[in-house]
PDB file of all heavy atoms in Angstrom:
ATOM      1  N   ASP A   1      49.653 152.104 105.388  1.00  0.00           N
ATOM      2  CA  ASP A   1      50.382 152.410 106.615  1.00  0.00           C
ATOM      3  C   ASP A   1      51.694 151.639 106.617  1.00  0.00           C
ATOM      4  O   ASP A   1      51.720 150.425 106.830  1.00  0.00           O
ATOM      5  CB  ASP A   1      49.535 152.029 107.840  1.00  0.00           C
ATOM      6  CG  ASP A   1      50.122 152.547 109.149  1.00  0.00           C
ATOM      7  OD1 ASP A   1      51.334 152.852 109.175  1.00  0.00           O
ATOM      8  OD2 ASP A   1      49.375 152.620 110.144  1.00  0.00           O
ATOM      9  N   LYS A   2      52.786 152.345 106.386  1.00  0.00           N
ATOM     10  CA  LYS A   2      54.099 151.681 106.306  1.00  0.00           C
ATOM     11  C   LYS A   2      54.531 151.094 107.644  1.00  0.00           C
ATOM     12  O   LYS A   2      55.261 150.103 107.692  1.00  0.00           O
ATOM     13  CB  LYS A   2      55.149 152.675 105.802  1.00  0.00           C
ATOM     14  CG  LYS A   2      54.951 153.099 104.358  1.00  0.00           C
ATOM     15  CD  LYS A   2      56.060 154.037 103.889  1.00  0.00           C
ATOM     16  CE  LYS A   2      55.848 154.438 102.424  1.00  0.00           C
ATOM     17  NZ  LYS A   2      56.921 155.347 101.943  1.00  0.00           N
ATOM     18  N   THR A   3      54.090 151.720 108.743  1.00  0.00           N
ATOM     19  CA  THR A   3      54.483 151.191 110.058  1.00  0.00           C
ATOM     20  C   THR A   3      53.892 149.801 110.285  1.00  0.00           C
ATOM     21  O   THR A   3      54.489 148.973 110.968  1.00  0.00           O
ATOM     22  CB  THR A   3      54.027 152.137 111.188  1.00  0.00           C
ATOM     23  OG1 THR A   3      52.604 152.287 111.144  1.00  0.00           O
ATOM     24  CG2 THR A   3      54.685 153.498 111.040  1.00  0.00           C
ATOM     25  N   VAL A   4      52.703 149.553 109.718  1.00  0.00           N
ATOM     26  CA  VAL A   4      52.091 148.228 109.816  1.00  0.00           C
ATOM     27  C   VAL A   4      52.970 147.191 109.127  1.00  0.00           C
ATOM     28  O   VAL A   4      53.211 146.099 109.657  1.00  0.00           O
ATOM     29  CB  VAL A   4      50.677 148.247 109.180  1.00  0.00           C
ATOM     30  CG1 VAL A   4      50.179 146.823 108.928  1.00  0.00           C
ATOM     31  CG2 VAL A   4      49.707 148.984 110.085  1.00  0.00           C
ATOM     32  N   VAL A   5      53.478 147.545 107.938  1.00  0.00           N
ATOM     33  CA  VAL A   5      54.337 146.633 107.185  1.00  0.00           C
ATOM     34  C   VAL A   5      55.639 146.387 107.936  1.00  0.00           C
ATOM     35  O   VAL A   5      56.098 145.242 108.063  1.00  0.00           O
ATOM     36  CB  VAL A   5      54.628 147.198 105.778  1.00  0.00           C
ATOM     37  CG1 VAL A   5      55.459 146.209 104.969  1.00  0.00           C
ATOM     38  CG2 VAL A   5      53.334 147.522 105.050  1.00  0.00           C
ATOM     39  N   GLU A   6      56.217 147.443 108.452  1.00  0.00           N
ATOM     40  CA  GLU A   6      57.487 147.313 109.174  1.00  0.00           C
ATOM     41  C   GLU A   6      57.334 146.449 110.417  1.00  0.00           C
ATOM     42  O   GLU A   6      58.189 145.600 110.707  1.00  0.00           O
ATOM     43  CB  GLU A   6      58.011 148.706 109.551  1.00  0.00           C
ATOM     44  CG  GLU A   6      58.443 149.532 108.336  1.00  0.00           C
ATOM     45  CD  GLU A   6      58.689 150.992 108.684  1.00  0.00           C
ATOM     46  OE1 GLU A   6      58.479 151.357 109.875  1.00  0.00           O
ATOM     47  OE2 GLU A   6      59.064 151.760 107.782  1.00  0.00           O
ATOM     48  N   GLU A   7      56.237 146.667 111.145  1.00  0.00           N
ATOM     49  CA  GLU A   7      56.021 145.865 112.360  1.00  0.00           C
ATOM     50  C   GLU A   7      55.860 144.392 112.017  1.00  0.00           C
ATOM     51  O   GLU A   7      56.441 143.519 112.667  1.00  0.00           O
ATOM     52  CB  GLU A   7      54.788 146.347 113.113  1.00  0.00           C
ATOM     53  CG  GLU A   7      54.563 145.584 114.418  1.00  0.00           C
ATOM     54  CD  GLU A   7      53.140 145.633 114.922  1.00  0.00           C
ATOM     55  OE1 GLU A   7      52.485 146.678 114.761  1.00  0.00           O
ATOM     56  OE2 GLU A   7      52.690 144.608 115.473  1.00  0.00           O
ATOM     57  N   PHE A   8      55.073 144.106 110.965  1.00  0.00           N
ATOM     58  CA  PHE A   8      54.876 142.710 110.600  1.00  0.00           C
ATOM     59  C   PHE A   8      56.189 142.057 110.184  1.00  0.00           C
ATOM     60  O   PHE A   8      56.487 140.926 110.590  1.00  0.00           O
ATOM     61  CB  PHE A   8      53.853 142.576 109.467  1.00  0.00           C
ATOM     62  CG  PHE A   8      53.692 141.157 108.999  1.00  0.00           C
ATOM     63  CD1 PHE A   8      52.906 140.269 109.715  1.00  0.00           C
ATOM     64  CD2 PHE A   8      54.370 140.697 107.868  1.00  0.00           C
ATOM     65  CE1 PHE A   8      52.784 138.939 109.320  1.00  0.00           C
ATOM     66  CE2 PHE A   8      54.242 139.370 107.462  1.00  0.00           C
ATOM     67  CZ  PHE A   8      53.448 138.499 108.192  1.00  0.00           C
ATOM     68  N   LEU A   9      56.965 142.749 109.372  1.00  0.00           N
ATOM     69  CA  LEU A   9      58.230 142.172 108.909  1.00  0.00           C
ATOM     70  C   LEU A   9      59.191 141.933 110.067  1.00  0.00           C
ATOM     71  O   LEU A   9      59.932 140.936 110.079  1.00  0.00           O
ATOM     72  CB  LEU A   9      58.863 143.080 107.854  1.00  0.00           C
ATOM     73  CG  LEU A   9      58.123 143.131 106.503  1.00  0.00           C
ATOM     74  CD1 LEU A   9      58.758 144.162 105.580  1.00  0.00           C
ATOM     75  CD2 LEU A   9      58.106 141.759 105.845  1.00  0.00           C
ATOM     76  N   GLN A  10      59.193 142.819 111.026  1.00  0.00           N
ATOM     77  CA  GLN A  10      60.037 142.607 112.205  1.00  0.00           C
ATOM     78  C   GLN A  10      59.603 141.349 112.948  1.00  0.00           C
ATOM     79  O   GLN A  10      60.443 140.532 113.359  1.00  0.00           O
ATOM     80  CB  GLN A  10      59.968 143.825 113.125  1.00  0.00           C
ATOM     81  CG  GLN A  10      60.716 145.040 112.606  1.00  0.00           C
ATOM     82  CD  GLN A  10      60.530 146.254 113.490  1.00  0.00           C
ATOM     83  OE1 GLN A  10      59.734 146.238 114.438  1.00  0.00           O
ATOM     84  NE2 GLN A  10      61.246 147.329 113.184  1.00  0.00           N
ATOM     85  N   ARG A  11      58.296 141.197 113.128  1.00  0.00           N
ATOM     86  CA  ARG A  11      57.784 139.995 113.795  1.00  0.00           C
ATOM     87  C   ARG A  11      58.131 138.744 112.972  1.00  0.00           C
ATOM     88  O   ARG A  11      58.539 137.719 113.517  1.00  0.00           O
ATOM     89  CB  ARG A  11      56.260 140.089 113.966  1.00  0.00           C
ATOM     90  CG  ARG A  11      55.800 141.069 115.031  1.00  0.00           C
ATOM     91  CD  ARG A  11      54.277 141.021 115.164  1.00  0.00           C
ATOM     92  NE  ARG A  11      53.787 141.949 116.154  1.00  0.00           N
ATOM     93  CZ  ARG A  11      53.721 141.704 117.462  1.00  0.00           C
ATOM     94  NH1 ARG A  11      54.132 140.525 117.917  1.00  0.00           N
ATOM     95  NH2 ARG A  11      53.263 142.598 118.298  1.00  0.00           N
ATOM     96  N   TRP A  12      57.911 138.835 111.656  1.00  0.00           N
ATOM     97  CA  TRP A  12      58.145 137.678 110.799  1.00  0.00           C
ATOM     98  C   TRP A  12      59.617 137.255 110.832  1.00  0.00           C
ATOM     99  O   TRP A  12      59.932 136.057 110.919  1.00  0.00           O
ATOM    100  CB  TRP A  12      57.706 137.996 109.376  1.00  0.00           C
ATOM    101  CG  TRP A  12      57.923 136.852 108.432  1.00  0.00           C
ATOM    102  CD1 TRP A  12      58.854 136.751 107.449  1.00  0.00           C
ATOM    103  CD2 TRP A  12      57.179 135.632 108.398  1.00  0.00           C
ATOM    104  NE1 TRP A  12      58.752 135.551 106.803  1.00  0.00           N
ATOM    105  CE2 TRP A  12      57.726 134.839 107.369  1.00  0.00           C
ATOM    106  CE3 TRP A  12      56.110 135.139 109.144  1.00  0.00           C
ATOM    107  CZ2 TRP A  12      57.243 133.575 107.066  1.00  0.00           C
ATOM    108  CZ3 TRP A  12      55.624 133.870 108.844  1.00  0.00           C
ATOM    109  CH2 TRP A  12      56.184 133.107 107.818  1.00  0.00           C
ATOM    110  N   ASN A  13      60.501 138.226 110.758  1.00  0.00           N
ATOM    111  CA  ASN A  13      61.934 137.912 110.775  1.00  0.00           C
ATOM    112  C   ASN A  13      62.390 137.381 112.131  1.00  0.00           C
ATOM    113  O   ASN A  13      63.337 136.588 112.211  1.00  0.00           O
ATOM    114  CB  ASN A  13      62.746 139.152 110.393  1.00  0.00           C
ATOM    115  CG  ASN A  13      62.532 139.548 108.938  1.00  0.00           C
ATOM    116  OD1 ASN A  13      62.291 138.695 108.076  1.00  0.00           O
ATOM    117  ND2 ASN A  13      62.603 140.847 108.654  1.00  0.00           N
ATOM    118  N   HIS A  14      61.710 137.821 113.179  1.00  0.00           N
ATOM    119  CA  HIS A  14      62.039 137.334 114.524  1.00  0.00           C
ATOM    120  C   HIS A  14      61.512 135.921 114.745  1.00  0.00           C
ATOM    121  O   HIS A  14      62.098 135.127 115.486  1.00  0.00           O
ATOM    122  CB  HIS A  14      61.466 138.281 115.583  1.00  0.00           C
ATOM    123  CG  HIS A  14      61.749 137.859 116.988  1.00  0.00           C
ATOM    124  ND1 HIS A  14      63.006 137.940 117.548  1.00  0.00           N
ATOM    125  CD2 HIS A  14      60.943 137.329 117.953  1.00  0.00           C
ATOM    126  CE1 HIS A  14      62.967 137.492 118.798  1.00  0.00           C
ATOM    127  NE2 HIS A  14      61.717 137.110 119.060  1.00  0.00           N
ATOM    128  N   GLY A  15      60.400 135.611 114.088  1.00  0.00           N
ATOM    129  CA  GLY A  15      59.783 134.288 114.241  1.00  0.00           C
ATOM    130  C   GLY A  15      58.364 134.404 114.770  1.00  0.00           C
ATOM    131  O   GLY A  15      58.132 135.038 115.809  1.00  0.00           O
ATOM    132  N   MET A  16      57.420 133.787 114.050  1.00  0.00           N
ATOM    133  CA  MET A  16      56.022 133.793 114.462  1.00  0.00           C
ATOM    134  C   MET A  16      55.547 132.353 114.648  1.00  0.00           C
ATOM    135  O   MET A  16      56.290 131.403 114.417  1.00  0.00           O
ATOM    136  CB  MET A  16      55.167 134.534 113.426  1.00  0.00           C
ATOM    137  CG  MET A  16      55.514 136.021 113.302  1.00  0.00           C
ATOM    138  SD  MET A  16      54.608 136.897 111.990  1.00  0.00           S
ATOM    139  CE  MET A  16      52.944 136.881 112.653  1.00  0.00           C
ATOM    140  N   LEU A  17      54.298 132.198 115.066  1.00  0.00           N
ATOM    141  CA  LEU A  17      53.744 130.875 115.332  1.00  0.00           C
ATOM    142  C   LEU A  17      53.948 129.962 114.123  1.00  0.00           C
ATOM    143  O   LEU A  17      53.464 130.251 113.036  1.00  0.00           O
ATOM    144  CB  LEU A  17      52.247 130.988 115.646  1.00  0.00           C
ATOM    145  CG  LEU A  17      51.510 129.673 115.944  1.00  0.00           C
ATOM    146  CD1 LEU A  17      51.994 129.065 117.251  1.00  0.00           C
ATOM    147  CD2 LEU A  17      49.995 129.910 115.995  1.00  0.00           C
ATOM    148  N   PRO A  18      54.665 128.859 114.289  1.00  0.00           N
ATOM    149  CA  PRO A  18      54.935 127.976 113.143  1.00  0.00           C
ATOM    150  C   PRO A  18      53.661 127.303 112.640  1.00  0.00           C
ATOM    151  O   PRO A  18      52.675 127.157 113.369  1.00  0.00           O
ATOM    152  CB  PRO A  18      55.902 126.930 113.727  1.00  0.00           C
ATOM    153  CG  PRO A  18      56.426 127.518 114.991  1.00  0.00           C
ATOM    154  CD  PRO A  18      55.333 128.404 115.516  1.00  0.00           C
ATOM    155  N   ARG A  19      53.703 126.862 111.408  1.00  0.00           N
ATOM    156  CA  ARG A  19      52.602 126.088 110.846  1.00  0.00           C
ATOM    157  C   ARG A  19      52.489 124.771 111.609  1.00  0.00           C
ATOM    158  O   ARG A  19      53.468 124.223 112.106  1.00  0.00           O
ATOM    159  CB  ARG A  19      52.830 125.829 109.359  1.00  0.00           C
ATOM    160  CG  ARG A  19      52.746 127.097 108.513  1.00  0.00           C
ATOM    161  CD  ARG A  19      52.978 126.785 107.043  1.00  0.00           C
ATOM    162  NE  ARG A  19      51.944 125.908 106.490  1.00  0.00           N
ATOM    163  CZ  ARG A  19      50.765 126.314 106.041  1.00  0.00           C
ATOM    164  NH1 ARG A  19      50.453 127.606 106.100  1.00  0.00           N
ATOM    165  NH2 ARG A  19      49.893 125.455 105.558  1.00  0.00           N
ATOM    166  N   GLY A  20      51.262 124.273 111.696  1.00  0.00           N
ATOM    167  CA  GLY A  20      51.049 123.005 112.381  1.00  0.00           C
ATOM    168  C   GLY A  20      50.803 123.121 113.870  1.00  0.00           C
ATOM    169  O   GLY A  20      50.400 122.147 114.508  1.00  0.00           O
ATOM    170  N   ARG A  21      51.010 124.303 114.450  1.00  0.00           N
ATOM    171  CA  ARG A  21      50.763 124.500 115.876  1.00  0.00           C
ATOM    172  C   ARG A  21      49.333 124.983 116.106  1.00  0.00           C
ATOM    173  O   ARG A  21      48.677 125.505 115.207  1.00  0.00           O
ATOM    174  CB  ARG A  21      51.745 125.538 116.458  1.00  0.00           C
ATOM    175  CG  ARG A  21      53.207 125.128 116.381  1.00  0.00           C
ATOM    176  CD  ARG A  21      53.539 124.011 117.353  1.00  0.00           C
ATOM    177  NE  ARG A  21      54.940 123.614 117.256  1.00  0.00           N
ATOM    178  CZ  ARG A  21      55.935 124.182 117.937  1.00  0.00           C
ATOM    179  NH1 ARG A  21      55.673 125.194 118.758  1.00  0.00           N
ATOM    180  NH2 ARG A  21      57.165 123.764 117.798  1.00  0.00           N
ATOM    181  N   VAL A  22      48.862 124.826 117.342  1.00  0.00           N
ATOM    182  CA  VAL A  22      47.509 125.250 117.705  1.00  0.00           C
ATOM    183  C   VAL A  22      47.476 126.759 117.902  1.00  0.00           C
ATOM    184  O   VAL A  22      48.395 127.344 118.483  1.00  0.00           O
ATOM    185  CB  VAL A  22      47.044 124.532 118.986  1.00  0.00           C
ATOM    186  CG1 VAL A  22      45.667 125.027 119.414  1.00  0.00           C
ATOM    187  CG2 VAL A  22      47.018 123.024 118.760  1.00  0.00           C
ATOM    188  N   PHE A  23      46.389 127.384 117.426  1.00  0.00           N
ATOM    189  CA  PHE A  23      46.217 128.834 117.562  1.00  0.00           C
ATOM    190  C   PHE A  23      44.938 129.141 118.329  1.00  0.00           C
ATOM    191  O   PHE A  23      43.906 128.489 118.153  1.00  0.00           O
ATOM    192  CB  PHE A  23      46.138 129.497 116.187  1.00  0.00           C
ATOM    193  CG  PHE A  23      45.658 130.924 116.237  1.00  0.00           C
ATOM    194  CD1 PHE A  23      46.506 131.945 116.624  1.00  0.00           C
ATOM    195  CD2 PHE A  23      44.338 131.244 115.912  1.00  0.00           C
ATOM    196  CE1 PHE A  23      46.053 133.263 116.680  1.00  0.00           C
ATOM    197  CE2 PHE A  23      43.883 132.548 115.961  1.00  0.00           C
ATOM    198  CZ  PHE A  23      44.747 133.559 116.347  1.00  0.00           C
ATOM    199  N   SER A  24      45.005 130.136 119.180  1.00  0.00           N
ATOM    200  CA  SER A  24      43.829 130.734 119.803  1.00  0.00           C
ATOM    201  C   SER A  24      44.112 132.216 119.984  1.00  0.00           C
ATOM    202  O   SER A  24      45.186 132.589 120.474  1.00  0.00           O
ATOM    203  CB  SER A  24      43.517 130.086 121.151  1.00  0.00           C
ATOM    204  OG  SER A  24      42.590 130.884 121.874  1.00  0.00           O
ATOM    205  N   ALA A  25      43.156 133.054 119.611  1.00  0.00           N
ATOM    206  CA  ALA A  25      43.331 134.503 119.742  1.00  0.00           C
ATOM    207  C   ALA A  25      43.289 134.952 121.193  1.00  0.00           C
ATOM    208  O   ALA A  25      43.498 136.134 121.477  1.00  0.00           O
ATOM    209  CB  ALA A  25      42.263 135.237 118.944  1.00  0.00           C
ATOM    210  N   MET A  26      43.020 134.027 122.131  1.00  0.00           N
ATOM    211  CA  MET A  26      42.930 134.403 123.539  1.00  0.00           C
ATOM    212  C   MET A  26      44.253 134.237 124.282  1.00  0.00           C
ATOM    213  O   MET A  26      44.289 134.313 125.513  1.00  0.00           O
ATOM    214  CB  MET A  26      41.811 133.604 124.206  1.00  0.00           C
ATOM    215  CG  MET A  26      40.456 133.952 123.631  1.00  0.00           C
ATOM    216  SD  MET A  26      39.073 133.188 124.474  1.00  0.00           S
ATOM    217  CE  MET A  26      37.774 133.422 123.262  1.00  0.00           C
ATOM    218  N   TYR A  27      45.317 134.026 123.520  1.00  0.00           N
ATOM    219  CA  TYR A  27      46.661 134.055 124.089  1.00  0.00           C
ATOM    220  C   TYR A  27      47.333 135.321 123.576  1.00  0.00           C
ATOM    221  O   TYR A  27      47.465 135.506 122.354  1.00  0.00           O
ATOM    222  CB  TYR A  27      47.446 132.809 123.680  1.00  0.00           C
ATOM    223  CG  TYR A  27      46.943 131.553 124.349  1.00  0.00           C
ATOM    224  CD1 TYR A  27      45.797 130.912 123.898  1.00  0.00           C
ATOM    225  CD2 TYR A  27      47.599 131.024 125.463  1.00  0.00           C
ATOM    226  CE1 TYR A  27      45.312 129.777 124.525  1.00  0.00           C
ATOM    227  CE2 TYR A  27      47.131 129.881 126.095  1.00  0.00           C
ATOM    228  CZ  TYR A  27      45.980 129.261 125.625  1.00  0.00           C
ATOM    229  OH  TYR A  27      45.513 128.134 126.261  1.00  0.00           O
ATOM    230  N   PRO A  28      47.747 136.229 124.468  1.00  0.00           N
ATOM    231  CA  PRO A  28      48.215 137.559 124.053  1.00  0.00           C
ATOM    232  C   PRO A  28      49.261 137.547 122.950  1.00  0.00           C
ATOM    233  O   PRO A  28      49.162 138.314 121.987  1.00  0.00           O
ATOM    234  CB  PRO A  28      48.768 138.150 125.359  1.00  0.00           C
ATOM    235  CG  PRO A  28      47.977 137.481 126.431  1.00  0.00           C
ATOM    236  CD  PRO A  28      47.725 136.091 125.941  1.00  0.00           C
ATOM    237  N   GLN A  29      50.281 136.686 123.064  1.00  0.00           N
ATOM    238  CA  GLN A  29      51.334 136.635 122.054  1.00  0.00           C
ATOM    239  C   GLN A  29      50.758 136.270 120.689  1.00  0.00           C
ATOM    240  O   GLN A  29      51.072 136.888 119.666  1.00  0.00           O
ATOM    241  CB  GLN A  29      52.403 135.616 122.461  1.00  0.00           C
ATOM    242  CG  GLN A  29      53.457 135.340 121.391  1.00  0.00           C
ATOM    243  CD  GLN A  29      54.454 136.473 121.231  1.00  0.00           C
ATOM    244  OE1 GLN A  29      54.683 137.232 122.180  1.00  0.00           O
ATOM    245  NE2 GLN A  29      55.043 136.609 120.052  1.00  0.00           N
ATOM    246  N   LEU A  30      49.894 135.267 120.668  1.00  0.00           N
ATOM    247  CA  LEU A  30      49.322 134.810 119.409  1.00  0.00           C
ATOM    248  C   LEU A  30      48.340 135.836 118.846  1.00  0.00           C
ATOM    249  O   LEU A  30      48.250 136.020 117.628  1.00  0.00           O
ATOM    250  CB  LEU A  30      48.629 133.456 119.599  1.00  0.00           C
ATOM    251  CG  LEU A  30      49.490 132.329 120.185  1.00  0.00           C
ATOM    252  CD1 LEU A  30      48.728 131.009 120.158  1.00  0.00           C
ATOM    253  CD2 LEU A  30      50.803 132.203 119.447  1.00  0.00           C
ATOM    254  N   GLN A  31      47.610 136.489 119.729  1.00  0.00           N
ATOM    255  CA  GLN A  31      46.689 137.531 119.269  1.00  0.00           C
ATOM    256  C   GLN A  31      47.448 138.671 118.608  1.00  0.00           C
ATOM    257  O   GLN A  31      47.049 139.166 117.551  1.00  0.00           O
ATOM    258  CB  GLN A  31      45.862 138.066 120.434  1.00  0.00           C
ATOM    259  CG  GLN A  31      44.819 139.086 120.015  1.00  0.00           C
ATOM    260  CD  GLN A  31      44.109 139.720 121.198  1.00  0.00           C
ATOM    261  OE1 GLN A  31      44.456 140.805 121.649  1.00  0.00           O
ATOM    262  NE2 GLN A  31      43.105 139.014 121.719  1.00  0.00           N
ATOM    263  N   GLU A  32      48.543 139.085 119.213  1.00  0.00           N
ATOM    264  CA  GLU A  32      49.332 140.178 118.645  1.00  0.00           C
ATOM    265  C   GLU A  32      49.834 139.824 117.246  1.00  0.00           C
ATOM    266  O   GLU A  32      49.828 140.660 116.339  1.00  0.00           O
ATOM    267  CB  GLU A  32      50.514 140.499 119.557  1.00  0.00           C
ATOM    268  CG  GLU A  32      50.134 141.178 120.861  1.00  0.00           C
ATOM    269  CD  GLU A  32      51.327 141.371 121.782  1.00  0.00           C
ATOM    270  OE1 GLU A  32      52.465 141.116 121.321  1.00  0.00           O
ATOM    271  OE2 GLU A  32      51.130 141.755 122.940  1.00  0.00           O
ATOM    272  N   GLU A  33      50.261 138.583 117.070  1.00  0.00           N
ATOM    273  CA  GLU A  33      50.757 138.166 115.762  1.00  0.00           C
ATOM    274  C   GLU A  33      49.629 138.121 114.741  1.00  0.00           C
ATOM    275  O   GLU A  33      49.803 138.538 113.588  1.00  0.00           O
ATOM    276  CB  GLU A  33      51.437 136.799 115.881  1.00  0.00           C
ATOM    277  CG  GLU A  33      52.720 136.840 116.704  1.00  0.00           C
ATOM    278  CD  GLU A  33      53.402 135.482 116.807  1.00  0.00           C
ATOM    279  OE1 GLU A  33      52.938 134.529 116.144  1.00  0.00           O
ATOM    280  OE2 GLU A  33      54.402 135.375 117.531  1.00  0.00           O
ATOM    281  N   ALA A  34      48.475 137.625 115.162  1.00  0.00           N
ATOM    282  CA  ALA A  34      47.326 137.569 114.254  1.00  0.00           C
ATOM    283  C   ALA A  34      46.883 138.968 113.853  1.00  0.00           C
ATOM    284  O   ALA A  34      46.568 139.230 112.684  1.00  0.00           O
ATOM    285  CB  ALA A  34      46.179 136.813 114.912  1.00  0.00           C
ATOM    286  N   VAL A  35      46.842 139.883 114.807  1.00  0.00           N
ATOM    287  CA  VAL A  35      46.433 141.265 114.522  1.00  0.00           C
ATOM    288  C   VAL A  35      47.443 141.930 113.585  1.00  0.00           C
ATOM    289  O   VAL A  35      47.068 142.699 112.697  1.00  0.00           O
ATOM    290  CB  VAL A  35      46.281 142.067 115.832  1.00  0.00           C
ATOM    291  CG1 VAL A  35      46.060 143.544 115.545  1.00  0.00           C
ATOM    292  CG2 VAL A  35      45.130 141.514 116.657  1.00  0.00           C
ATOM    293  N   SER A  36      48.712 141.603 113.762  1.00  0.00           N
ATOM    294  CA  SER A  36      49.746 142.162 112.891  1.00  0.00           C
ATOM    295  C   SER A  36      49.517 141.746 111.443  1.00  0.00           C
ATOM    296  O   SER A  36      49.624 142.561 110.520  1.00  0.00           O
ATOM    297  CB  SER A  36      51.127 141.704 113.366  1.00  0.00           C
ATOM    298  OG  SER A  36      52.141 142.224 112.536  1.00  0.00           O
ATOM    299  N   PHE A  37      49.171 140.473 111.232  1.00  0.00           N
ATOM    300  CA  PHE A  37      48.897 140.012 109.867  1.00  0.00           C
ATOM    301  C   PHE A  37      47.576 140.584 109.366  1.00  0.00           C
ATOM    302  O   PHE A  37      47.459 140.956 108.189  1.00  0.00           O
ATOM    303  CB  PHE A  37      48.880 138.487 109.816  1.00  0.00           C
ATOM    304  CG  PHE A  37      48.664 137.936 108.437  1.00  0.00           C
ATOM    305  CD1 PHE A  37      49.542 138.249 107.410  1.00  0.00           C
ATOM    306  CD2 PHE A  37      47.576 137.123 108.150  1.00  0.00           C
ATOM    307  CE1 PHE A  37      49.349 137.752 106.119  1.00  0.00           C
ATOM    308  CE2 PHE A  37      47.368 136.632 106.871  1.00  0.00           C
ATOM    309  CZ  PHE A  37      48.261 136.940 105.854  1.00  0.00           C
ATOM    310  N   PHE A  38      46.572 140.672 110.239  1.00  0.00           N
ATOM    311  CA  PHE A  38      45.307 141.287 109.838  1.00  0.00           C
ATOM    312  C   PHE A  38      45.542 142.715 109.361  1.00  0.00           C
ATOM    313  O   PHE A  38      44.998 143.135 108.324  1.00  0.00           O
ATOM    314  CB  PHE A  38      44.315 141.303 110.998  1.00  0.00           C
ATOM    315  CG  PHE A  38      43.214 142.316 110.823  1.00  0.00           C
ATOM    316  CD1 PHE A  38      42.137 142.060 109.992  1.00  0.00           C
ATOM    317  CD2 PHE A  38      43.274 143.552 111.460  1.00  0.00           C
ATOM    318  CE1 PHE A  38      41.135 143.005 109.792  1.00  0.00           C
ATOM    319  CE2 PHE A  38      42.282 144.506 111.270  1.00  0.00           C
ATOM    320  CZ  PHE A  38      41.204 144.228 110.435  1.00  0.00           C
ATOM    321  N   ASN A  39      46.314 143.484 110.099  1.00  0.00           N
ATOM    322  CA  ASN A  39      46.572 144.876 109.723  1.00  0.00           C
ATOM    323  C   ASN A  39      47.228 144.966 108.351  1.00  0.00           C
ATOM    324  O   ASN A  39      46.982 145.899 107.580  1.00  0.00           O
ATOM    325  CB  ASN A  39      47.436 145.559 110.774  1.00  0.00           C
ATOM    326  CG  ASN A  39      46.652 145.942 112.015  1.00  0.00           C
ATOM    327  OD1 ASN A  39      45.449 146.217 111.937  1.00  0.00           O
ATOM    328  ND2 ASN A  39      47.301 145.955 113.165  1.00  0.00           N
ATOM    329  N   LEU A  40      48.080 144.002 108.055  1.00  0.00           N
ATOM    330  CA  LEU A  40      48.714 143.962 106.739  1.00  0.00           C
ATOM    331  C   LEU A  40      47.656 143.771 105.654  1.00  0.00           C
ATOM    332  O   LEU A  40      47.647 144.475 104.635  1.00  0.00           O
ATOM    333  CB  LEU A  40      49.731 142.814 106.705  1.00  0.00           C
ATOM    334  CG  LEU A  40      50.768 142.816 105.584  1.00  0.00           C
ATOM    335  CD1 LEU A  40      51.715 144.002 105.732  1.00  0.00           C
ATOM    336  CD2 LEU A  40      51.560 141.512 105.589  1.00  0.00           C
ATOM    337  N   LEU A  41      46.745 142.825 105.870  1.00  0.00           N
ATOM    338  CA  LEU A  41      45.665 142.593 104.912  1.00  0.00           C
ATOM    339  C   LEU A  41      44.719 143.795 104.836  1.00  0.00           C
ATOM    340  O   LEU A  41      44.275 144.203 103.757  1.00  0.00           O
ATOM    341  CB  LEU A  41      44.867 141.351 105.319  1.00  0.00           C
ATOM    342  CG  LEU A  41      45.597 140.008 105.265  1.00  0.00           C
ATOM    343  CD1 LEU A  41      44.788 138.944 106.008  1.00  0.00           C
ATOM    344  CD2 LEU A  41      45.828 139.580 103.824  1.00  0.00           C
ATOM    345  N   TYR A  42      44.430 144.369 105.987  1.00  0.00           N
ATOM    346  CA  TYR A  42      43.457 145.452 106.086  1.00  0.00           C
ATOM    347  C   TYR A  42      43.947 146.731 105.413  1.00  0.00           C
ATOM    348  O   TYR A  42      43.153 147.483 104.828  1.00  0.00           O
ATOM    349  CB  TYR A  42      43.155 145.709 107.561  1.00  0.00           C
ATOM    350  CG  TYR A  42      42.123 146.776 107.831  1.00  0.00           C
ATOM    351  CD1 TYR A  42      40.775 146.547 107.580  1.00  0.00           C
ATOM    352  CD2 TYR A  42      42.493 148.014 108.361  1.00  0.00           C
ATOM    353  CE1 TYR A  42      39.820 147.517 107.842  1.00  0.00           C
ATOM    354  CE2 TYR A  42      41.550 148.991 108.622  1.00  0.00           C
ATOM    355  CZ  TYR A  42      40.219 148.746 108.365  1.00  0.00           C
ATOM    356  OH  TYR A  42      39.278 149.705 108.623  1.00  0.00           O
ATOM    357  N   THR A  43      45.248 146.997 105.472  1.00  0.00           N
ATOM    358  CA  THR A  43      45.791 148.259 104.947  1.00  0.00           C
ATOM    359  C   THR A  43      46.270 148.143 103.507  1.00  0.00           C
ATOM    360  O   THR A  43      46.828 149.110 102.971  1.00  0.00           O
ATOM    361  CB  THR A  43      46.948 148.765 105.832  1.00  0.00           C
ATOM    362  OG1 THR A  43      47.979 147.765 105.888  1.00  0.00           O
ATOM    363  CG2 THR A  43      46.479 149.069 107.237  1.00  0.00           C
ATOM    364  N   ALA A  44      46.089 146.981 102.876  1.00  0.00           N
ATOM    365  CA  ALA A  44      46.432 146.862 101.455  1.00  0.00           C
ATOM    366  C   ALA A  44      45.622 147.875 100.653  1.00  0.00           C
ATOM    367  O   ALA A  44      44.405 147.980 100.822  1.00  0.00           O
ATOM    368  CB  ALA A  44      46.164 145.438 100.970  1.00  0.00           C
ATOM    369  N   LYS A  45      46.279 148.619  99.777  1.00  0.00           N
ATOM    370  CA  LYS A  45      45.624 149.724  99.086  1.00  0.00           C
ATOM    371  C   LYS A  45      44.550 149.276  98.091  1.00  0.00           C
ATOM    372  O   LYS A  45      43.613 150.014  97.808  1.00  0.00           O
ATOM    373  CB  LYS A  45      46.669 150.577  98.353  1.00  0.00           C
ATOM    374  CG  LYS A  45      47.509 151.453  99.270  1.00  0.00           C
ATOM    375  CD  LYS A  45      48.454 152.328  98.465  1.00  0.00           C
ATOM    376  CE  LYS A  45      49.260 153.251  99.377  1.00  0.00           C
ATOM    377  NZ  LYS A  45      50.211 154.096  98.605  1.00  0.00           N
TER     378      LYS A  45
END
């Protein structure tokens, strides 16, 4: 799914949760970023 790749790259270029910060999937912004990376892993051919 190319749209998955495009969405992730847009998020990545805009800026995502930096390393060293606390993560919880129960914060909407952080969940969206995690799901975006999951979709990238999930749709790998």
